[in-house]
Protein backbone atom coordinates (compact mmCIF):
# COMPACT_ATOMS: atom_id res chain seq x y z
CA MET A 1 15.13 20.24 34.98
CA THR A 2 18.29 19.79 36.97
CA HIS A 3 19.91 22.93 38.38
CA THR A 4 23.44 21.70 37.69
CA ARG A 5 25.04 21.16 34.30
CA PRO A 6 24.42 17.57 33.14
CA GLN A 7 27.40 15.27 33.66
CA VAL A 8 27.67 13.71 30.21
CA GLU A 9 30.48 12.95 27.79
CA PRO A 10 30.34 15.43 24.89
CA ASP A 11 30.88 12.70 22.28
CA GLY A 12 28.84 10.05 24.11
CA ARG A 13 25.59 8.71 22.66
CA TYR A 14 22.47 8.76 24.84
CA THR A 15 19.00 7.27 24.40
CA VAL A 16 15.84 9.21 25.18
CA GLN A 17 15.66 7.63 28.63
CA GLN A 18 19.31 8.40 29.40
CA ALA A 19 18.90 12.01 28.19
CA ALA A 20 15.83 12.41 30.41
CA LYS A 21 17.78 11.14 33.41
CA ALA A 22 20.73 13.45 32.67
CA LEU A 23 18.44 16.48 32.42
CA GLY A 24 16.22 15.46 35.35
CA VAL A 25 12.99 15.44 33.31
CA GLU A 26 10.43 12.89 32.11
CA ARG A 27 10.66 11.22 28.69
CA HIS A 28 7.67 13.14 27.33
CA THR A 29 9.56 16.37 28.07
CA ILE A 30 12.49 15.10 25.98
CA TYR A 31 10.10 14.56 23.07
CA ARG A 32 8.76 18.10 23.55
CA TYR A 33 12.33 19.46 23.43
CA PHE A 34 12.85 17.47 20.23
CA ASP A 35 9.65 18.81 18.69
CA ASN A 36 10.53 22.45 19.42
CA GLY A 37 14.12 22.03 18.21
CA SER A 38 15.89 22.34 21.58
CA LEU A 39 17.30 18.81 21.40
CA LYS A 40 18.55 16.95 18.34
CA PHE A 41 18.43 13.21 17.75
CA ARG A 42 19.75 10.76 15.21
CA VAL A 43 18.37 7.29 14.50
CA ARG A 44 20.82 4.53 15.36
CA LYS A 45 20.95 2.08 12.44
CA ALA A 46 21.62 -0.99 14.57
CA ASP A 47 18.29 -0.93 16.38
CA ASN A 48 16.36 2.06 14.97
CA ARG A 49 16.45 3.93 18.30
CA ARG A 50 16.82 7.67 18.67
CA VAL A 51 20.09 8.79 20.20
CA THR A 52 21.50 12.19 21.08
CA THR A 53 24.97 13.34 22.04
CA GLY A 54 26.20 14.74 25.31
CA LYS A 55 26.99 17.98 23.52
CA TRP A 56 23.37 18.32 22.41
CA ILE A 57 22.13 17.51 25.93
CA VAL A 58 24.26 20.31 27.40
CA GLU A 59 23.12 22.73 24.69
CA CYS A 60 19.49 21.87 25.46
CA TRP A 61 20.11 22.43 29.19
CA GLU A 62 21.76 25.80 28.51
CA GLU A 63 18.91 26.90 26.23
CA ASN A 64 16.13 25.87 28.61
CA TYR A 65 17.70 26.52 32.00
CA LEU A 66 20.08 29.45 31.76
């Protein structure tokens, strides 16, 4: 996980791959964070993809890094 706070827009929407890049982890780690409740996702209706917000990414980073 990255040592610096992720540079994301709080209201921005991020895919699993984008969240992984922002946090400096692999995609499978993002799914693990989702499974244990550290990171929340919604399903985007347009293409049925999971998306998270920048706010949730920062909260996940704070919970798992600080």
